[in-house]
C-alpha atoms as a PDB file:
ATOM      1  CA  UNK A   1       0.000   0.000   0.000  1.00  0.00           C
ATOM      2  CA  UNK A   2       1.089   3.578  -0.580  1.00  0.00           C
ATOM      3  CA  UNK A   3       2.559   4.420   2.875  1.00  0.00           C
ATOM      4  CA  UNK A   4       4.785   1.342   2.956  1.00  0.00           C
ATOM      5  CA  UNK A   5       5.584   1.653  -0.743  1.00  0.00           C
ATOM      6  CA  UNK A   6       6.870   5.197  -0.257  1.00  0.00           C
ATOM      7  CA  UNK A   7       9.012   4.091   2.661  1.00  0.00           C
ATOM      8  CA  UNK A   8      10.578   1.719   0.150  1.00  0.00           C
ATOM      9  CA  UNK A   9      10.908   4.462  -2.478  1.00  0.00           C
ATOM     10  CA  UNK A  10      12.480   6.989  -0.109  1.00  0.00           C
ATOM     11  CA  UNK A  11      14.964   4.529   1.330  1.00  0.00           C
ATOM     12  CA  UNK A  12      15.698   2.882  -2.027  1.00  0.00           C
ATOM     13  CA  UNK A  13      16.729  -0.397  -0.408  1.00  0.00           C
ATOM     14  CA  UNK A  14      15.174  -2.509  -3.148  1.00  0.00           C
ATOM     15  CA  UNK A  15      17.620  -1.280  -5.745  1.00  0.00           C
ATOM     16  CA  UNK A  16      15.210   1.189  -7.334  1.00  0.00           C
ATOM     17  CA  UNK A  17      17.280   3.972  -8.806  1.00  0.00           C
ATOM     18  CA  UNK A  18      17.684   6.917  -6.416  1.00  0.00           C
ATOM     19  CA  UNK A  19      17.694   9.085  -9.543  1.00  0.00           C
ATOM     20  CA  UNK A  20      13.905   8.731  -9.546  1.00  0.00           C
ATOM     21  CA  UNK A  21      13.154   8.744  -5.833  1.00  0.00           C
ATOM     22  CA  UNK A  22      15.840  10.809  -4.122  1.00  0.00           C
ATOM     23  CA  UNK A  23      18.730  10.244  -1.801  1.00  0.00           C
ATOM     24  CA  UNK A  24      18.330   7.068   0.211  1.00  0.00           C
ATOM     25  CA  UNK A  25      20.663   4.273   1.173  1.00  0.00           C
ATOM     26  CA  UNK A  26      21.441   2.507  -2.106  1.00  0.00           C
ATOM     27  CA  UNK A  27      23.377   3.040  -5.283  1.00  0.00           C
ATOM     28  CA  UNK A  28      25.313   5.988  -6.615  1.00  0.00           C
ATOM     29  CA  UNK A  29      22.788   8.569  -5.347  1.00  0.00           C
ATOM     30  CA  UNK A  30      22.606  10.133  -8.785  1.00  0.00           C
ATOM     31  CA  UNK A  31      19.850  12.561  -7.828  1.00  0.00           C
ATOM     32  CA  UNK A  32      22.047  15.606  -7.429  1.00  0.00           C
ATOM     33  CA  UNK A  33      23.920  15.895 -10.727  1.00  0.00           C
ATOM     34  CA  UNK A  34      20.905  16.382 -12.973  1.00  0.00           C
ATOM     35  CA  UNK A  35      18.139  17.580 -10.674  1.00  0.00           C
ATOM     36  CA  UNK A  36      18.976  20.403  -8.300  1.00  0.00           C
ATOM     37  CA  UNK A  37      15.554  20.740  -6.660  1.00  0.00           C
ATOM     38  CA  UNK A  38      14.670  19.050  -3.396  1.00  0.00           C
ATOM     39  CA  UNK A  39      13.585  15.414  -3.681  1.00  0.00           C
ATOM     40  CA  UNK A  40      10.186  16.285  -2.192  1.00  0.00           C
ATOM     41  CA  UNK A  41       9.057  17.897  -5.447  1.00  0.00           C
ATOM     42  CA  UNK A  42       9.422  14.591  -7.292  1.00  0.00           C
ATOM     43  CA  UNK A  43       8.034  12.568  -4.401  1.00  0.00           C
ATOM     44  CA  UNK A  44       5.026  14.881  -4.049  1.00  0.00           C
ATOM     45  CA  UNK A  45       4.213  14.442  -7.736  1.00  0.00           C
ATOM     46  CA  UNK A  46       4.623  10.691  -7.457  1.00  0.00           C
ATOM     47  CA  UNK A  47       2.412  10.569  -4.358  1.00  0.00           C
ATOM     48  CA  UNK A  48      -0.384  12.593  -5.964  1.00  0.00           C
ATOM     49  CA  UNK A  49      -0.203  10.550  -9.154  1.00  0.00           C
ATOM     50  CA  UNK A  50      -0.440   7.209  -7.357  1.00  0.00           C
ATOM     51  CA  UNK A  51      -3.309   8.305  -5.109  1.00  0.00           C
ATOM     52  CA  UNK A  52      -5.284   9.745  -8.022  1.00  0.00           C
ATOM     53  CA  UNK A  53      -4.846   6.735 -10.285  1.00  0.00           C
ATOM     54  CA  UNK A  54      -5.118   4.041  -7.618  1.00  0.00           C
ATOM     55  CA  UNK A  55      -1.891   2.584  -8.916  1.00  0.00           C
ATOM     56  CA  UNK A  56      -0.774  -0.591  -7.163  1.00  0.00           C
ATOM     57  CA  UNK A  57       2.925  -0.825  -6.431  1.00  0.00           C
ATOM     58  CA  UNK A  58       4.708  -4.176  -6.496  1.00  0.00           C
ATOM     59  CA  UNK A  59       8.322  -5.032  -5.737  1.00  0.00           C
ATOM     60  CA  UNK A  60      10.246  -8.266  -6.105  1.00  0.00           C
ATOM     61  CA  UNK A  61      13.066  -9.798  -4.097  1.00  0.00           C
ATOM     62  CA  UNK A  62      16.725  -9.590  -5.079  1.00  0.00           C
ATOM     63  CA  UNK A  63      19.802 -11.333  -3.717  1.00  0.00           C
ATOM     64  CA  UNK A  64      19.001 -13.443  -0.678  1.00  0.00           C
ATOM     65  CA  UNK A  65      15.494 -14.461   0.385  1.00  0.00           C
ATOM     66  CA  UNK A  66      16.304 -15.620   3.895  1.00  0.00           C
ATOM     67  CA  UNK A  67      19.555 -17.471   4.612  1.00  0.00           C
ATOM     68  CA  UNK A  68      18.655 -20.530   2.526  1.00  0.00           C
ATOM     69  CA  UNK A  69      17.682 -19.060  -0.868  1.00  0.00           C
ATOM     70  CA  UNK A  70      19.895 -16.965  -3.113  1.00  0.00           C
ATOM     71  CA  UNK A  71      18.691 -15.420  -6.357  1.00  0.00           C
ATOM     72  CA  UNK A  72      21.646 -14.699  -8.627  1.00  0.00           C
ATOM     73  CA  UNK A  73      20.034 -11.605 -10.156  1.00  0.00           C
ATOM     74  CA  UNK A  74      16.493 -10.948  -9.031  1.00  0.00           C
ATOM     75  CA  UNK A  75      13.044 -12.425  -9.362  1.00  0.00           C
ATOM     76  CA  UNK A  76      11.868  -9.399 -11.345  1.00  0.00           C
ATOM     77  CA  UNK A  77      13.244 -11.106 -14.469  1.00  0.00           C
ATOM     78  CA  UNK A  78      10.184 -13.366 -14.564  1.00  0.00           C
ATOM     79  CA  UNK A  79       7.590 -10.735 -13.617  1.00  0.00           C
ATOM     80  CA  UNK A  80       6.800  -9.655 -17.224  1.00  0.00           C
ATOM     81  CA  UNK A  81       6.287 -13.318 -18.130  1.00  0.00           C
ATOM     82  CA  UNK A  82       3.944 -13.688 -15.170  1.00  0.00           C
ATOM     83  CA  UNK A  83       2.072 -10.408 -15.703  1.00  0.00           C
ATOM     84  CA  UNK A  84       1.288 -11.115 -19.348  1.00  0.00           C
ATOM     85  CA  UNK A  85      -0.418 -14.339 -18.267  1.00  0.00           C
ATOM     86  CA  UNK A  86      -2.751 -12.504 -15.880  1.00  0.00           C
ATOM     87  CA  UNK A  87      -5.999 -10.795 -16.792  1.00  0.00           C
ATOM     88  CA  UNK A  88      -6.152  -7.035 -16.066  1.00  0.00           C
ATOM     89  CA  UNK A  89      -8.433  -7.485 -13.049  1.00  0.00           C
ATOM     90  CA  UNK A  90      -6.124 -10.163 -11.637  1.00  0.00           C
ATOM     91  CA  UNK A  91      -3.298  -7.629 -11.479  1.00  0.00           C
ATOM     92  CA  UNK A  92      -5.215  -5.397  -9.078  1.00  0.00           C
ATOM     93  CA  UNK A  93      -4.154  -5.593  -5.401  1.00  0.00           C
ATOM     94  CA  UNK A  94      -7.795  -5.496  -4.295  1.00  0.00           C
ATOM     95  CA  UNK A  95      -8.537  -8.612  -6.330  1.00  0.00           C
ATOM     96  CA  UNK A  96      -5.518 -10.428  -4.922  1.00  0.00           C
ATOM     97  CA  UNK A  97      -6.399  -9.547  -1.341  1.00  0.00           C
ATOM     98  CA  UNK A  98     -10.059 -10.504  -1.758  1.00  0.00           C
ATOM     99  CA  UNK A  99      -9.127 -13.936  -3.128  1.00  0.00           C
ATOM    100  CA  UNK A 100      -6.400 -14.712  -0.611  1.00  0.00           C
ATOM    101  CA  UNK A 101      -3.588 -14.283  -3.104  1.00  0.00           C
ATOM    102  CA  UNK A 102      -1.848 -11.725  -0.897  1.00  0.00           C
ATOM    103  CA  UNK A 103      -1.445 -11.708   2.882  1.00  0.00           C
ATOM    104  CA  UNK A 104      -0.475  -8.810   5.115  1.00  0.00           C
ATOM    105  CA  UNK A 105       2.873  -9.082   6.865  1.00  0.00           C
ATOM    106  CA  UNK A 106       2.290  -8.445  10.576  1.00  0.00           C
ATOM    107  CA  UNK A 107       4.496  -7.000  13.316  1.00  0.00           C
ATOM    108  CA  UNK A 108       5.691  -9.504  15.897  1.00  0.00           C
ATOM    109  CA  UNK A 109       7.612  -9.755  19.154  1.00  0.00           C
ATOM    110  CA  UNK A 110      11.088 -11.285  19.209  1.00  0.00           C
ATOM    111  CA  UNK A 111      13.264 -11.482  22.327  1.00  0.00           C
ATOM    112  CA  UNK A 112      11.323  -8.637  23.891  1.00  0.00           C
ATOM    113  CA  UNK A 113      11.570  -6.368  20.838  1.00  0.00           C
ATOM    114  CA  UNK A 114       8.786  -5.272  18.538  1.00  0.00           C
ATOM    115  CA  UNK A 115       9.716  -6.154  14.959  1.00  0.00           C
ATOM    116  CA  UNK A 116       7.907  -3.819  12.544  1.00  0.00           C
ATOM    117  CA  UNK A 117       7.526  -6.375   9.758  1.00  0.00           C
ATOM    118  CA  UNK A 118       4.333  -4.666   8.593  1.00  0.00           C
ATOM    119  CA  UNK A 119       6.593  -2.214   6.745  1.00  0.00           C
ATOM    120  CA  UNK A 120       7.032  -4.985   4.189  1.00  0.00           C
ATOM    121  CA  UNK A 121       3.391  -4.564   3.198  1.00  0.00           C
ATOM    122  CA  UNK A 122       1.719  -7.603   1.654  1.00  0.00           C
ATOM    123  CA  UNK A 123       3.284 -10.758   0.233  1.00  0.00           C
ATOM    124  CA  UNK A 124       2.169 -13.491  -2.154  1.00  0.00           C
ATOM    125  CA  UNK A 125       0.663 -16.687  -0.774  1.00  0.00           C
ATOM    126  CA  UNK A 126       0.794 -20.336  -1.786  1.00  0.00           C
ATOM    127  CA  UNK A 127      -2.557 -19.771  -3.481  1.00  0.00           C
ATOM    128  CA  UNK A 128      -0.956 -17.055  -5.623  1.00  0.00           C
ATOM    129  CA  UNK A 129       1.832 -19.477  -6.549  1.00  0.00           C
ATOM    130  CA  UNK A 130      -0.624 -22.199  -7.578  1.00  0.00           C
ATOM    131  CA  UNK A 131      -3.010 -19.884  -9.459  1.00  0.00           C
ATOM    132  CA  UNK A 132      -0.585 -17.673 -11.355  1.00  0.00           C
ATOM    133  CA  UNK A 133       2.879 -19.213 -11.328  1.00  0.00           C
ATOM    134  CA  UNK A 134       1.230 -22.481 -12.319  1.00  0.00           C
ATOM    135  CA  UNK A 135       0.703 -20.797 -15.676  1.00  0.00           C
ATOM    136  CA  UNK A 136       4.485 -20.737 -16.096  1.00  0.00           C
ATOM    137  CA  UNK A 137       5.758 -23.815 -14.236  1.00  0.00           C
ATOM    138  CA  UNK A 138       4.566 -27.424 -14.103  1.00  0.00           C
ATOM    139  CA  UNK A 139       5.250 -27.545 -10.363  1.00  0.00           C
ATOM    140  CA  UNK A 140       5.403 -23.941  -9.080  1.00  0.00           C
ATOM    141  CA  UNK A 141       5.544 -24.923  -5.397  1.00  0.00           C
ATOM    142  CA  UNK A 142       8.982 -26.425  -6.042  1.00  0.00           C
ATOM    143  CA  UNK A 143      10.225 -23.157  -7.565  1.00  0.00           C
ATOM    144  CA  UNK A 144       8.623 -21.086  -4.790  1.00  0.00           C
ATOM    145  CA  UNK A 145       8.434 -23.278  -1.669  1.00  0.00           C
ATOM    146  CA  UNK A 146       6.769 -22.136   1.543  1.00  0.00           C
ATOM    147  CA  UNK A 147      10.091 -21.197   3.147  1.00  0.00           C
ATOM    148  CA  UNK A 148      10.746 -18.763   0.326  1.00  0.00           C
ATOM    149  CA  UNK A 149       7.305 -17.206   0.670  1.00  0.00           C
ATOM    150  CA  UNK A 150       7.776 -16.971   4.452  1.00  0.00           C
ATOM    151  CA  UNK A 151      11.483 -16.359   5.165  1.00  0.00           C
ATOM    152  CA  UNK A 152      10.832 -16.345   8.914  1.00  0.00           C
ATOM    153  CA  UNK A 153      10.389 -20.128   8.709  1.00  0.00           C
ATOM    154  CA  UNK A 154      14.045 -20.422   7.701  1.00  0.00           C
ATOM    155  CA  UNK A 155      15.488 -18.549  10.682  1.00  0.00           C
ATOM    156  CA  UNK A 156      13.375 -16.197  12.782  1.00  0.00           C
ATOM    157  CA  UNK A 157      16.418 -14.427  14.237  1.00  0.00           C
ATOM    158  CA  UNK A 158      17.820 -13.665  10.788  1.00  0.00           C
ATOM    159  CA  UNK A 159      14.382 -12.519   9.620  1.00  0.00           C
ATOM    160  CA  UNK A 160      13.984 -10.208  12.622  1.00  0.00           C
ATOM    161  CA  UNK A 161      17.474  -8.807  12.091  1.00  0.00           C
ATOM    162  CA  UNK A 162      16.689  -8.138   8.430  1.00  0.00           C
ATOM    163  CA  UNK A 163      13.525  -6.235   9.275  1.00  0.00           C
ATOM    164  CA  UNK A 164      15.341  -4.194  11.923  1.00  0.00           C
ATOM    165  CA  UNK A 165      18.067  -3.333   9.418  1.00  0.00           C
ATOM    166  CA  UNK A 166      15.372  -2.176   7.021  1.00  0.00           C
ATOM    167  CA  UNK A 167      13.710  -0.016   9.678  1.00  0.00           C
ATOM    168  CA  UNK A 168      17.068   1.507  10.628  1.00  0.00           C
ATOM    169  CA  UNK A 169      17.897   2.273   6.986  1.00  0.00           C
ATOM    170  CA  UNK A 170      14.480   3.893   6.533  1.00  0.00           C
ATOM    171  CA  UNK A 171      14.979   5.963   9.675  1.00  0.00           C
ATOM    172  CA  UNK A 172      18.396   7.137   8.500  1.00  0.00           C
ATOM    173  CA  UNK A 173      17.074   8.086   5.053  1.00  0.00           C
ATOM    174  CA  UNK A 174      14.075   9.953   6.492  1.00  0.00           C
ATOM    175  CA  UNK A 175      16.190  11.980   8.914  1.00  0.00           C
ATOM    176  CA  UNK A 176      17.937  13.578   5.926  1.00  0.00           C
ATOM    177  CA  UNK A 177      14.658  15.283   5.040  1.00  0.00           C
ATOM    178  CA  UNK A 178      14.471  16.813   8.512  1.00  0.00           C
ATOM    179  CA  UNK A 179      18.116  17.842   8.667  1.00  0.00           C
ATOM    180  CA  UNK A 180      18.099  19.808   5.409  1.00  0.00           C
ATOM    181  CA  UNK A 181      14.606  21.251   5.839  1.00  0.00           C
ATOM    182  CA  UNK A 182      13.117  19.321   2.919  1.00  0.00           C
ATOM    183  CA  UNK A 183      10.343  18.103   5.233  1.00  0.00           C
ATOM    184  CA  UNK A 184       8.696  21.519   4.870  1.00  0.00           C
ATOM    185  CA  UNK A 185       8.324  20.934   1.119  1.00  0.00           C
ATOM    186  CA  UNK A 186       6.582  17.584   1.621  1.00  0.00           C
ATOM    187  CA  UNK A 187       2.854  17.377   0.916  1.00  0.00           C
ATOM    188  CA  UNK A 188       0.801  16.152   3.927  1.00  0.00           C
ATOM    189  CA  UNK A 189       0.717  12.418   2.982  1.00  0.00           C
ATOM    190  CA  UNK A 190       4.456  12.415   2.254  1.00  0.00           C
ATOM    191  CA  UNK A 191       5.090  14.256   5.506  1.00  0.00           C
ATOM    192  CA  UNK A 192       3.204  11.515   7.350  1.00  0.00           C
ATOM    193  CA  UNK A 193       5.385   8.834   5.725  1.00  0.00           C
ATOM    194  CA  UNK A 194       8.607  10.666   6.613  1.00  0.00           C
ATOM    195  CA  UNK A 195       7.518  11.078  10.240  1.00  0.00           C
ATOM    196  CA  UNK A 196       6.628   7.387  10.438  1.00  0.00           C
ATOM    197  CA  UNK A 197      10.023   6.431   9.071  1.00  0.00           C
ATOM    198  CA  UNK A 198      11.962   8.761  11.360  1.00  0.00           C
ATOM    199  CA  UNK A 199       9.934   8.622  14.575  1.00  0.00           C
ATOM    200  CA  UNK A 200       7.527   5.716  14.247  1.00  0.00           C
ATOM    201  CA  UNK A 201       4.435   7.895  14.607  1.00  0.00           C
ATOM    202  CA  UNK A 202       2.747  11.060  13.341  1.00  0.00           C
ATOM    203  CA  UNK A 203       1.285  13.290  16.035  1.00  0.00           C
ATOM    204  CA  UNK A 204       1.119  10.255  18.314  1.00  0.00           C
ATOM    205  CA  UNK A 205      -0.720   8.094  15.764  1.00  0.00           C
ATOM    206  CA  UNK A 206       0.706   4.854  14.370  1.00  0.00           C
ATOM    207  CA  UNK A 207       0.829   3.940  10.696  1.00  0.00           C
ATOM    208  CA  UNK A 208      -2.162   1.579  11.030  1.00  0.00           C
ATOM    209  CA  UNK A 209      -4.404   4.273  12.538  1.00  0.00           C
ATOM    210  CA  UNK A 210      -7.565   4.587  10.379  1.00  0.00           C
ATOM    211  CA  UNK A 211      -7.281   8.389  10.361  1.00  0.00           C
ATOM    212  CA  UNK A 212      -3.742   8.123   9.034  1.00  0.00           C
ATOM    213  CA  UNK A 213      -4.616   5.561   6.364  1.00  0.00           C
ATOM    214  CA  UNK A 214      -7.541   7.718   5.229  1.00  0.00           C
ATOM    215  CA  UNK A 215      -5.118  10.486   4.211  1.00  0.00           C
ATOM    216  CA  UNK A 216      -3.897   8.267   1.369  1.00  0.00           C
ATOM    217  CA  UNK A 217      -7.284   7.846  -0.298  1.00  0.00           C
ATOM    218  CA  UNK A 218      -8.416   9.553  -3.489  1.00  0.00           C
ATOM    219  CA  UNK A 219     -11.432  11.034  -1.735  1.00  0.00           C
ATOM    220  CA  UNK A 220      -9.300  12.710   0.942  1.00  0.00           C
ATOM    221  CA  UNK A 221      -6.900  14.027  -1.680  1.00  0.00           C
ATOM    222  CA  UNK A 222      -9.584  15.628  -3.839  1.00  0.00           C
ATOM    223  CA  UNK A 223     -11.165  17.327  -0.808  1.00  0.00           C
ATOM    224  CA  UNK A 224      -7.896  18.625   0.647  1.00  0.00           C
ATOM    225  CA  UNK A 225      -6.833  22.281   0.594  1.00  0.00           C
ATOM    226  CA  UNK A 226      -3.276  21.371  -0.349  1.00  0.00           C
ATOM    227  CA  UNK A 227      -4.433  19.577  -3.515  1.00  0.00           C
ATOM    228  CA  UNK A 228      -6.618  22.548  -4.462  1.00  0.00           C
ATOM    229  CA  UNK A 229      -3.512  24.684  -3.956  1.00  0.00           C
ATOM    230  CA  UNK A 230      -1.684  22.509  -6.487  1.00  0.00           C
ATOM    231  CA  UNK A 231      -4.444  23.144  -9.037  1.00  0.00           C
ATOM    232  CA  UNK A 232      -4.293  26.899  -8.416  1.00  0.00           C
ATOM    233  CA  UNK A 233      -0.521  26.874  -8.896  1.00  0.00           C
ATOM    234  CA  UNK A 234      -0.978  24.926 -12.139  1.00  0.00           C
ATOM    235  CA  UNK A 235      -3.477  27.526 -13.328  1.00  0.00           C
ATOM    236  CA  UNK A 236      -1.110  30.391 -12.451  1.00  0.00           C
ATOM    237  CA  UNK A 237       1.747  28.770 -14.328  1.00  0.00           C
ATOM    238  CA  UNK A 238      -0.417  27.979 -17.341  1.00  0.00           C
ATOM    239  CA  UNK A 239      -1.634  31.583 -17.456  1.00  0.00           C
ATOM    240  CA  UNK A 240       1.968  32.818 -17.345  1.00  0.00           C
ATOM    241  CA  UNK A 241       3.010  30.347 -20.062  1.00  0.00           C
ATOM    242  CA  UNK A 242       0.116  31.299 -22.331  1.00  0.00           C
ATOM    243  CA  UNK A 243       0.937  35.001 -21.929  1.00  0.00           C
ATOM    244  CA  UNK A 244       4.513  34.253 -22.970  1.00  0.00           C
ATOM    245  CA  UNK A 245       3.190  32.433 -26.048  1.00  0.00           C
ATOM    246  CA  UNK A 246       1.008  35.427 -26.926  1.00  0.00           C
ATOM    247  CA  UNK A 247       3.940  37.831 -26.576  1.00  0.00           C
ATOM    248  CA  UNK A 248       6.229  35.630 -28.681  1.00  0.00           C
ATOM    249  CA  UNK A 249       3.648  35.306 -31.449  1.00  0.00           C
ATOM    250  CA  UNK A 250       2.970  39.032 -31.362  1.00  0.00           C
ATOM    251  CA  UNK A 251       6.677  39.840 -31.535  1.00  0.00           C
ATOM    252  CA  UNK A 252       7.030  37.532 -34.532  1.00  0.00           C
ATOM    253  CA  UNK A 253       4.151  39.234 -36.340  1.00  0.00           C
ATOM    254  CA  UNK A 254       5.795  42.631 -35.826  1.00  0.00           C
ATOM    255  CA  UNK A 255       9.152  41.558 -37.269  1.00  0.00           C
ATOM    256  CA  UNK A 256       9.983  43.373 -40.462  1.00  0.00           C
ATOM    257  CA  UNK A 257      10.667  41.120 -43.422  1.00  0.00           C
ATOM    258  CA  UNK A 258       8.824  38.166 -41.917  1.00  0.00           C
ATOM    259  CA  UNK A 259       5.367  38.928 -43.269  1.00  0.00           C
ATOM    260  CA  UNK A 260       5.302  36.048 -45.774  1.00  0.00           C
ATOM    261  CA  UNK A 261       6.687  33.591 -43.219  1.00  0.00           C
ATOM    262  CA  UNK A 262       4.103  34.685 -40.665  1.00  0.00           C
ATOM    263  CA  UNK A 263       1.381  34.100 -43.237  1.00  0.00           C
ATOM    264  CA  UNK A 264       2.758  30.679 -44.142  1.00  0.00           C
ATOM    265  CA  UNK A 265       2.870  29.638 -40.490  1.00  0.00           C
ATOM    266  CA  UNK A 266      -0.608  31.071 -39.827  1.00  0.00           C
ATOM    267  CA  UNK A 267       0.707  33.080 -36.901  1.00  0.00           C
ATOM    268  CA  UNK A 268      -2.318  35.393 -36.819  1.00  0.00           C
ATOM    269  CA  UNK A 269      -4.786  32.519 -36.321  1.00  0.00           C
ATOM    270  CA  UNK A 270      -2.485  30.913 -33.772  1.00  0.00           C
ATOM    271  CA  UNK A 271      -2.310  34.190 -31.867  1.00  0.00           C
ATOM    272  CA  UNK A 272      -6.097  34.435 -31.786  1.00  0.00           C
ATOM    273  CA  UNK A 273      -6.317  30.861 -30.523  1.00  0.00           C
ATOM    274  CA  UNK A 274      -3.843  31.634 -27.731  1.00  0.00           C
ATOM    275  CA  UNK A 275      -5.927  34.632 -26.690  1.00  0.00           C
ATOM    276  CA  UNK A 276      -9.053  32.463 -26.613  1.00  0.00           C
ATOM    277  CA  UNK A 277      -7.175  29.824 -24.619  1.00  0.00           C
ATOM    278  CA  UNK A 278      -6.032  32.477 -22.157  1.00  0.00           C
ATOM    279  CA  UNK A 279      -9.623  33.467 -21.433  1.00  0.00           C
ATOM    280  CA  UNK A 280     -10.457  29.859 -20.565  1.00  0.00           C
ATOM    281  CA  UNK A 281      -7.257  29.176 -18.615  1.00  0.00           C
ATOM    282  CA  UNK A 282      -7.823  32.315 -16.535  1.00  0.00           C
ATOM    283  CA  UNK A 283     -11.423  31.372 -15.662  1.00  0.00           C
ATOM    284  CA  UNK A 284     -12.780  29.396 -12.695  1.00  0.00           C
ATOM    285  CA  UNK A 285     -13.906  26.756 -15.186  1.00  0.00           C
ATOM    286  CA  UNK A 286     -10.277  25.870 -15.799  1.00  0.00           C
ATOM    287  CA  UNK A 287      -9.830  24.910 -12.140  1.00  0.00           C
ATOM    288  CA  UNK A 288     -12.792  22.584 -12.486  1.00  0.00           C
ATOM    289  CA  UNK A 289     -11.256  21.196 -15.672  1.00  0.00           C
ATOM    290  CA  UNK A 290      -8.017  20.449 -13.771  1.00  0.00           C
ATOM    291  CA  UNK A 291      -9.691  18.395 -11.028  1.00  0.00           C
ATOM    292  CA  UNK A 292      -8.311  14.878 -11.017  1.00  0.00           C
ATOM    293  CA  UNK A 293      -5.033  15.929 -12.628  1.00  0.00           C
ATOM    294  CA  UNK A 294      -1.563  16.212 -11.134  1.00  0.00           C
ATOM    295  CA  UNK A 295      -1.664  19.969 -10.724  1.00  0.00           C
ATOM    296  CA  UNK A 296       1.712  21.563  -9.986  1.00  0.00           C
ATOM    297  CA  UNK A 297       4.042  21.355  -7.023  1.00  0.00           C
ATOM    298  CA  UNK A 298       4.849  24.577  -5.142  1.00  0.00           C
ATOM    299  CA  UNK A 299       8.472  23.266  -4.958  1.00  0.00           C
ATOM    300  CA  UNK A 300       9.573  25.444  -2.025  1.00  0.00           C
ATOM    301  CA  UNK A 301       7.592  26.903   0.845  1.00  0.00           C
ATOM    302  CA  UNK A 302       4.267  25.716  -0.452  1.00  0.00           C
ATOM    303  CA  UNK A 303       3.055  23.909   2.659  1.00  0.00           C
ATOM    304  CA  UNK A 304       2.776  25.263   6.213  1.00  0.00           C
ATOM    305  CA  UNK A 305       5.503  24.290   8.679  1.00  0.00           C
ATOM    306  CA  UNK A 306       4.143  22.147  11.500  1.00  0.00           C
ATOM    307  CA  UNK A 307       5.232  22.591  15.109  1.00  0.00           C
ATOM    308  CA  UNK A 308       5.831  18.865  15.528  1.00  0.00           C
ATOM    309  CA  UNK A 309       8.698  18.897  13.034  1.00  0.00           C
ATOM    310  CA  UNK A 310      10.714  21.567  14.822  1.00  0.00           C
ATOM    311  CA  UNK A 311       9.978  20.125  18.254  1.00  0.00           C
ATOM    312  CA  UNK A 312      11.153  16.654  17.299  1.00  0.00           C
ATOM    313  CA  UNK A 313      14.311  17.984  15.689  1.00  0.00           C
ATOM    314  CA  UNK A 314      15.184  19.652  18.974  1.00  0.00           C
END
């Protein structure tokens, strides 16, 4: 689900390129050289896009799956083969959950410590293996035995240590957003995720709190003031862009010696169209037209600073 998926994105422990998700704990951290803005701008856009579209995020294992199973490259190599054998509705997380094809990974106690395994999200079940991987293999349970699906059955201590390492890596990655002030550029759902990663709670509420989970729904997004702000910013930028187009076209029409070229390119009609477009883009109807779209990120200083952030940093 989106909160846990973004913990994965931000930390980048799965090998996903940090060039797309920001500085985390893996790879060459190639974010900086070609994108000088704070990572929150990209993450905000990604968050809004995924909430609006209901996109389901999936990740596959790489390297070791518990101490007994090693994958020389990663299981993602077979995912396209698997996905093309599934009907569109079968690829939806809701379908998989409803039919017992996915199971939630739960927190557990180990040697007096709480192991936050729920950060792993959901995982495939034996039923998933039989139903879908059976379309690729004659005996899928041999390729994906129970101990691979449930690594804790191999060695609970190793499993607990792996989850704790993950939580520590996520905490370290999230703290960077507080140290450099990027947290103030995070949209409210992203801010919740970063607080969960760094402190384990948001305003005293855990990640499984219904009020917290509700912030990641499409309904909550569309009703929020911060999303409406994104649409207003998009409108402002589109108005500014259209005005620049109008000026450029007008300047071209006024160039001496370019009369025939302007006629060939139909600059006059294009200028009139831009003026008509500007009327629409400047109107309240355009904001209604933008509903359900990505909008535009304020980039810096667009969201109010919350007291909790500064207090916790102290």
